[in-house]
Amino acid sequence: MERVWNFVKTIVCLLELSEMEQGDFISAVGENNVYFLSDSGITCADIKILENANIVIGNPPPDLVASMNSLEFLQLRSAGADAYISRLEPCVLLANVSGAYGQAVSEHMVAMALSIFKKLPMYYDNQLRRQWRDMGQVRPIEGASVLVVGAGDIGSSFARKMRALGCRVIGLRRHNTSPSQEFDSVHLIQDMDGLLPDADIVALSLPSTPETRHIIDSRRLGLMKSDALLINVGRGDAVDTEALVSALNAGTIGAAALDVTDPEPLPPDHPLWSARNVYITPHVSGGDHLAATTSRIKAMCLENLRAYLSCGNVRNVVDRSTGYRTTQNNI
């Protein structure tokens, strides 16, 4: 349906922008009112502005969304939208920046895989102890079988890099098993059980949805190789944490590299910290840690703002029923 209005809108931008970048946004909004706030320190005055906003660019505090009664369009700076889906009124258009994080997160995943296969964390521990010690044989990346669960932008970027290193890479999707140049083959997620026993690396890049919660549970951990590496960079609740701790300590799987956990942040006394062969980073593979990612996010948000104000095609609209972006962006 075509959007029609004849009133001045209040637009709030929560992105960290330079003066020049703010100028680009000001040019895009025309006669509408725009406020530039920081999501790192929302004040009482900021809350009042947000509660009257028609358009928000960035990630406002999720608990505040219910009181934003004038909101029409929320353009997130994240790919994950699960914190907002249940809080937004159905009439609010929700878009994410899926596609912005592929480079950063996939490079982090490759670094995890290489360092663990080559025992670099062990050698760093030895360095801290000033021990010159050979830690024995390492595993080859070339020829490894990689199962990528979630073949979107991040999963495809990781697959492309691992194939370049000589791996055989299989992708799993919710639907559409058409051939892809990033993967040697593509299957449906329901085919996972038959593919897990052959995988040297199982990589998860999934959103948080009822269907993905504990998609890796004790049963599926039991199907994996005893030396398999589990990588998770999507959402922590894709893995049953208690089952993972048990599998690691029992040697049911070889190792886990986690940039996300459940719960998150991981409490200091949680048993996952001390599990055997687990390597944890505090959800830093994406975010603002790579300048190229930040630039992509700003460009995507600005493009969608322009599109929304001109009644054009808003990209990366989130399907509330799945948590994924829709395949059709023309709203």
Protein backbone atom coordinates (compact mmCIF):
# COMPACT_ATOMS: atom_id res chain seq x y z
CA MET A 1 0.00 0.00 0.00
CA GLU A 2 1.29 3.46 -0.86
CA ARG A 3 2.24 5.59 2.10
CA VAL A 4 0.61 9.03 2.12
CA TRP A 5 1.11 11.81 4.66
CA ASN A 6 1.07 15.58 4.79
CA PHE A 7 2.65 16.31 8.18
CA VAL A 8 6.19 16.95 9.35
CA LYS A 9 7.84 13.87 10.80
CA THR A 10 10.13 13.54 13.78
CA ILE A 11 13.20 11.47 12.90
CA VAL A 12 15.69 10.26 15.49
CA CYS A 13 19.10 8.97 14.44
CA LEU A 14 21.03 6.96 17.02
CA LEU A 15 24.06 6.30 14.82
CA GLU A 16 27.45 7.75 15.71
CA LEU A 17 27.96 10.11 12.77
CA SER A 18 30.57 12.65 11.79
CA GLU A 19 29.48 16.19 11.01
CA MET A 20 29.66 15.42 7.29
CA GLU A 21 27.60 12.24 7.72
CA GLN A 22 25.00 14.15 9.72
CA GLY A 23 24.80 16.54 6.78
CA ASP A 24 23.91 13.64 4.48
CA PHE A 25 21.05 12.63 6.78
CA ILE A 26 19.84 16.23 7.10
CA SER A 27 19.75 16.48 3.30
CA ALA A 28 17.74 13.26 3.12
CA VAL A 29 15.01 14.30 5.57
CA GLY A 30 14.07 17.56 3.84
CA GLU A 31 11.59 19.61 5.88
CA ASN A 32 11.18 16.92 8.53
CA ASN A 33 12.70 17.30 12.00
CA VAL A 34 15.79 15.22 12.76
CA TYR A 35 17.52 14.66 16.09
CA PHE A 36 20.94 13.07 16.50
CA LEU A 37 21.21 11.16 19.79
CA SER A 38 23.64 8.63 21.20
CA ASP A 39 22.34 5.17 22.10
CA SER A 40 25.23 4.79 24.58
CA GLY A 41 23.71 7.20 27.07
CA ILE A 42 19.98 7.82 26.70
CA THR A 43 18.89 10.72 28.95
CA CYS A 44 15.41 11.60 30.21
CA ALA A 45 15.22 14.33 27.56
CA ASP A 46 16.22 11.78 24.89
CA ILE A 47 13.46 9.42 26.03
CA LYS A 48 10.87 12.17 25.52
CA ILE A 49 12.12 12.73 21.98
CA LEU A 50 12.10 8.99 21.22
CA GLU A 51 8.57 8.58 22.55
CA ASN A 52 7.37 11.14 19.97
CA ALA A 53 9.48 9.88 17.07
CA ASN A 54 7.91 8.74 13.82
CA ILE A 55 11.13 7.24 12.45
CA VAL A 56 14.09 5.87 14.41
CA ILE A 57 17.42 4.96 12.82
CA GLY A 58 19.46 2.72 15.12
CA ASN A 59 18.73 0.50 18.09
CA PRO A 60 16.74 2.25 20.85
CA PRO A 61 16.46 0.54 24.26
CA PRO A 62 14.06 -2.37 23.58
CA ASP A 63 12.10 -1.71 26.78
CA LEU A 64 11.33 1.81 25.54
CA VAL A 65 9.73 0.68 22.29
CA ALA A 66 6.31 -0.02 23.84
CA SER A 67 5.96 3.65 24.77
CA MET A 68 6.89 4.93 21.29
CA ASN A 69 3.30 5.34 20.20
CA SER A 70 4.05 7.53 17.16
CA LEU A 71 6.58 5.15 15.64
CA GLU A 72 6.04 4.19 12.00
CA PHE A 73 9.44 2.92 10.90
CA LEU A 74 12.34 1.43 12.87
CA GLN A 75 15.56 0.97 10.91
CA LEU A 76 17.94 -1.10 13.03
CA ARG A 77 21.72 -0.87 12.79
CA SER A 78 21.92 -4.60 13.59
CA ALA A 79 21.10 -7.72 11.62
CA GLY A 80 19.40 -9.32 14.63
CA ALA A 81 15.88 -8.03 15.32
CA ASP A 82 14.67 -10.49 17.96
CA ALA A 83 14.77 -7.94 20.80
CA TYR A 84 12.22 -5.77 18.97
CA ILE A 85 9.83 -8.09 17.14
CA SER A 86 7.54 -8.86 20.07
CA ARG A 87 7.59 -5.27 21.36
CA LEU A 88 6.59 -3.43 18.20
CA GLU A 89 3.04 -2.82 17.06
CA PRO A 90 2.23 -4.76 13.85
CA CYS A 91 1.79 -1.52 11.91
CA VAL A 92 5.41 -0.46 12.49
CA LEU A 93 7.75 -1.18 9.59
CA LEU A 94 10.90 -2.92 10.82
CA ALA A 95 14.12 -3.22 8.80
CA ASN A 96 17.60 -4.48 9.64
CA VAL A 97 21.04 -4.24 8.04
CA SER A 98 21.44 -7.87 7.06
CA GLY A 99 24.29 -7.96 4.57
CA ALA A 100 26.50 -5.46 6.37
CA TYR A 101 28.29 -7.91 8.66
CA GLY A 102 29.40 -10.68 6.30
CA GLN A 103 33.02 -9.60 5.96
CA ALA A 104 33.69 -8.88 9.64
CA VAL A 105 31.97 -11.91 11.13
CA SER A 106 33.22 -14.41 8.55
CA GLU A 107 36.82 -13.24 9.02
CA HIS A 108 36.38 -13.76 12.77
CA MET A 109 35.08 -17.29 12.09
CA VAL A 110 38.04 -18.14 9.86
CA ALA A 111 40.43 -16.84 12.52
CA MET A 112 38.74 -19.05 15.13
CA ALA A 113 38.96 -22.14 12.95
CA LEU A 114 42.60 -21.64 11.96
CA SER A 115 43.81 -20.81 15.46
CA ILE A 116 42.11 -23.84 17.02
CA PHE A 117 43.13 -26.29 14.29
CA LYS A 118 46.74 -25.07 14.63
CA LYS A 119 46.65 -25.01 18.47
CA LEU A 120 47.61 -21.33 18.67
CA PRO A 121 45.77 -20.77 21.99
CA MET A 122 47.84 -23.56 23.53
CA TYR A 123 51.06 -21.98 22.31
CA TYR A 124 50.02 -18.60 23.67
CA ASP A 125 49.36 -20.21 27.06
CA ASN A 126 52.85 -21.70 26.88
CA GLN A 127 54.27 -18.29 26.00
CA LEU A 128 52.70 -16.75 29.11
CA ARG A 129 54.34 -19.53 31.16
CA ARG A 130 57.65 -19.04 29.25
CA GLN A 131 57.56 -22.66 28.13
CA TRP A 132 59.22 -23.77 24.88
CA ARG A 133 57.06 -26.82 24.31
CA ASP A 134 55.91 -28.74 21.24
CA MET A 135 52.15 -29.38 21.47
CA GLY A 136 52.11 -32.16 18.89
CA GLN A 137 50.23 -32.68 15.67
CA VAL A 138 47.78 -30.15 14.28
CA ARG A 139 44.83 -30.54 11.94
CA PRO A 140 44.69 -29.50 8.27
CA ILE A 141 42.20 -26.92 7.07
CA GLU A 142 42.62 -27.99 3.47
CA GLY A 143 40.30 -30.89 2.82
CA ALA A 144 38.17 -30.29 5.92
CA SER A 145 34.41 -30.75 5.67
CA VAL A 146 32.50 -27.65 6.79
CA LEU A 147 28.76 -27.57 7.52
CA VAL A 148 27.35 -24.03 7.52
CA VAL A 149 23.98 -23.79 9.27
CA GLY A 150 22.43 -20.56 8.06
CA ALA A 151 23.48 -19.77 4.50
CA GLY A 152 22.72 -16.05 4.49
CA ASP A 153 25.24 -13.23 4.10
CA ILE A 154 27.48 -14.27 7.00
CA GLY A 155 27.29 -17.99 6.28
CA SER A 156 27.94 -17.45 2.57
CA SER A 157 30.90 -15.16 3.25
CA PHE A 158 32.40 -17.77 5.57
CA ALA A 159 31.77 -20.52 3.03
CA ARG A 160 33.52 -18.56 0.29
CA LYS A 161 36.62 -18.08 2.43
CA MET A 162 36.74 -21.71 3.58
CA ARG A 163 36.39 -23.00 0.03
CA ALA A 164 39.31 -20.76 -0.95
CA LEU A 165 41.32 -22.57 1.74
CA GLY A 166 40.48 -25.91 0.15
CA CYS A 167 37.54 -27.02 2.31
CA ARG A 168 34.44 -28.84 1.14
CA VAL A 169 31.54 -26.67 2.28
CA ILE A 170 27.88 -27.63 2.63
CA GLY A 171 25.20 -25.04 3.34
CA LEU A 172 21.90 -25.51 5.18
CA ARG A 173 18.92 -23.22 4.51
CA ARG A 174 15.28 -23.08 5.60
CA HIS A 175 14.22 -23.34 1.96
CA ASN A 176 15.65 -23.06 -1.56
CA THR A 177 18.37 -25.61 -2.24
CA SER A 178 19.31 -24.15 -5.63
CA PRO A 179 23.05 -24.29 -6.38
CA SER A 180 25.23 -21.52 -5.01
CA GLN A 181 28.78 -20.60 -5.99
CA GLU A 182 29.75 -20.25 -2.31
CA PHE A 183 28.85 -23.86 -1.45
CA ASP A 184 29.67 -27.26 -2.87
CA SER A 185 26.06 -28.20 -2.15
CA VAL A 186 23.03 -26.74 -0.38
CA HIS A 187 20.48 -28.68 1.67
CA LEU A 188 17.50 -27.96 3.88
CA ILE A 189 18.02 -27.51 7.62
CA GLN A 190 15.90 -30.61 8.26
CA ASP A 191 18.68 -32.61 6.55
CA MET A 192 21.13 -31.65 9.30
CA ASP A 193 21.14 -34.95 11.16
CA GLY A 194 22.45 -36.84 8.16
CA LEU A 195 25.23 -34.31 7.55
CA LEU A 196 26.55 -33.71 11.07
CA PRO A 197 28.52 -36.99 11.39
CA ASP A 198 30.82 -36.05 8.48
CA ALA A 199 31.51 -32.43 9.45
CA ASP A 200 34.89 -31.35 10.81
CA ILE A 201 33.50 -27.86 11.43
CA VAL A 202 29.87 -26.96 12.18
CA ALA A 203 29.30 -23.21 11.88
CA LEU A 204 26.11 -21.51 13.07
CA SER A 205 25.02 -18.05 11.89
CA LEU A 206 21.34 -18.03 12.83
CA PRO A 207 18.91 -15.47 14.26
CA SER A 208 17.01 -16.16 17.46
CA THR A 209 13.61 -17.65 16.62
CA PRO A 210 11.47 -20.43 18.14
CA GLU A 211 12.67 -22.70 15.31
CA THR A 212 16.38 -22.04 15.90
CA ARG A 213 16.35 -22.22 19.70
CA HIS A 214 18.52 -25.18 20.79
CA ILE A 215 18.82 -26.35 17.20
CA ILE A 216 22.07 -27.85 18.49
CA ASP A 217 21.01 -29.93 21.49
CA SER A 218 22.44 -32.95 23.27
CA ARG A 219 21.17 -35.32 20.59
CA ARG A 220 22.79 -33.40 17.74
CA LEU A 221 25.99 -32.87 19.69
CA GLY A 222 26.05 -36.66 19.98
CA LEU A 223 25.89 -36.95 16.19
CA MET A 224 29.02 -34.84 15.68
CA LYS A 225 32.56 -36.15 15.33
CA SER A 226 34.53 -36.44 18.55
CA ASP A 227 37.06 -33.94 17.15
CA ALA A 228 34.55 -31.61 15.49
CA LEU A 229 34.72 -27.85 16.02
CA LEU A 230 31.45 -26.01 16.72
CA ILE A 231 31.44 -22.29 15.83
CA ASN A 232 28.55 -20.04 16.83
CA VAL A 233 28.36 -16.38 15.80
CA GLY A 234 24.59 -15.93 15.41
CA ARG A 235 22.64 -16.10 18.65
CA GLY A 236 23.64 -17.97 21.78
CA ASP A 237 20.32 -19.76 22.21
CA ALA A 238 20.89 -21.75 19.01
CA VAL A 239 22.95 -24.04 21.26
CA ASP A 240 21.80 -25.78 24.43
CA THR A 241 24.53 -24.43 26.70
CA GLU A 242 24.18 -27.09 29.40
CA ALA A 243 24.39 -29.84 26.78
CA LEU A 244 27.43 -28.16 25.20
CA VAL A 245 29.29 -27.99 28.52
CA SER A 246 28.62 -31.71 29.05
CA ALA A 247 29.72 -32.60 25.52
CA LEU A 248 32.95 -30.60 25.78
CA ASN A 249 33.91 -32.02 29.17
CA ALA A 250 33.08 -35.56 28.06
CA GLY A 251 35.00 -35.21 24.80
CA THR A 252 31.90 -35.85 22.70
CA ILE A 253 33.03 -32.99 20.46
CA GLY A 254 36.50 -31.55 20.05
CA ALA A 255 36.07 -27.83 20.69
CA ALA A 256 33.70 -24.88 20.55
CA ALA A 257 34.42 -21.32 19.41
CA LEU A 258 31.67 -19.02 20.64
CA ASP A 259 31.18 -15.34 19.94
CA VAL A 260 27.67 -15.59 21.40
CA THR A 261 26.42 -17.43 24.47
CA ASP A 262 23.24 -18.24 26.32
CA PRO A 263 22.99 -16.48 28.73
CA GLU A 264 24.67 -13.33 27.46
CA PRO A 265 26.70 -11.72 28.91
CA LEU A 266 28.01 -14.95 30.37
CA PRO A 267 28.07 -14.72 34.21
CA PRO A 268 31.56 -15.05 35.78
CA ASP A 269 30.56 -18.22 37.65
CA HIS A 270 29.03 -19.99 34.64
CA PRO A 271 30.48 -23.48 34.01
CA LEU A 272 30.93 -22.74 30.30
CA TRP A 273 33.97 -20.58 31.11
CA SER A 274 35.88 -23.58 32.43
CA ALA A 275 34.62 -26.20 29.99
CA ARG A 276 37.24 -28.20 28.11
CA ASN A 277 38.44 -26.69 24.80
CA VAL A 278 36.03 -23.76 24.67
CA TYR A 279 37.10 -20.41 23.23
CA ILE A 280 34.85 -17.44 23.99
CA THR A 281 34.76 -13.90 22.64
CA PRO A 282 32.19 -11.40 24.00
CA HIS A 283 29.98 -10.90 20.91
CA VAL A 284 32.58 -8.80 19.13
CA SER A 285 32.81 -10.38 15.68
CA GLY A 286 30.36 -7.82 14.29
CA GLY A 287 29.30 -4.52 15.79
CA ASP A 288 31.50 -1.50 15.11
CA HIS A 289 34.78 -3.38 15.31
CA LEU A 290 35.52 -3.15 11.57
CA ALA A 291 35.40 0.27 9.92
CA ALA A 292 34.09 -1.17 6.66
CA THR A 293 31.09 -2.62 8.49
CA THR A 294 30.25 0.71 10.09
CA SER A 295 30.38 2.40 6.69
CA ARG A 296 28.04 -0.20 5.18
CA ILE A 297 25.56 0.19 8.05
CA LYS A 298 25.41 3.98 7.68
CA ALA A 299 24.96 3.71 3.91
CA MET A 300 22.18 1.13 4.22
CA CYS A 301 20.35 3.16 6.88
CA LEU A 302 20.57 6.33 4.81
CA GLU A 303 19.35 4.52 1.68
CA ASN A 304 16.34 3.11 3.52
CA LEU A 305 15.51 6.45 5.12
CA ARG A 306 15.45 8.07 1.70
CA ALA A 307 13.35 5.23 0.33
CA TYR A 308 10.81 5.41 3.15
CA LEU A 309 10.38 9.19 2.89
CA SER A 310 9.94 8.96 -0.88
CA CYS A 311 7.49 6.02 -0.68
CA GLY A 312 10.10 3.86 -2.39
CA ASN A 313 11.38 0.34 -1.86
CA VAL A 314 12.59 -0.20 1.71
CA ARG A 315 15.16 -3.00 1.76
CA ASN A 316 15.79 -5.62 4.45
CA VAL A 317 12.29 -5.49 5.88
CA VAL A 318 12.09 -8.04 8.70
CA ASP A 319 9.51 -10.81 8.53
CA ARG A 320 8.10 -10.82 12.06
CA SER A 321 7.13 -14.51 11.83
CA THR A 322 10.67 -15.74 11.07
CA GLY A 323 13.07 -13.04 12.27
CA TYR A 324 14.73 -13.04 8.84
CA ARG A 325 14.60 -10.29 6.28
CA THR A 326 11.86 -10.71 3.70
CA THR A 327 12.69 -11.79 0.17
CA GLN A 328 10.47 -9.04 -1.18
CA ASN A 329 11.33 -5.54 -0.03
CA ASN A 330 8.77 -3.49 -1.91
CA ILE A 331 6.37 -2.32 0.79
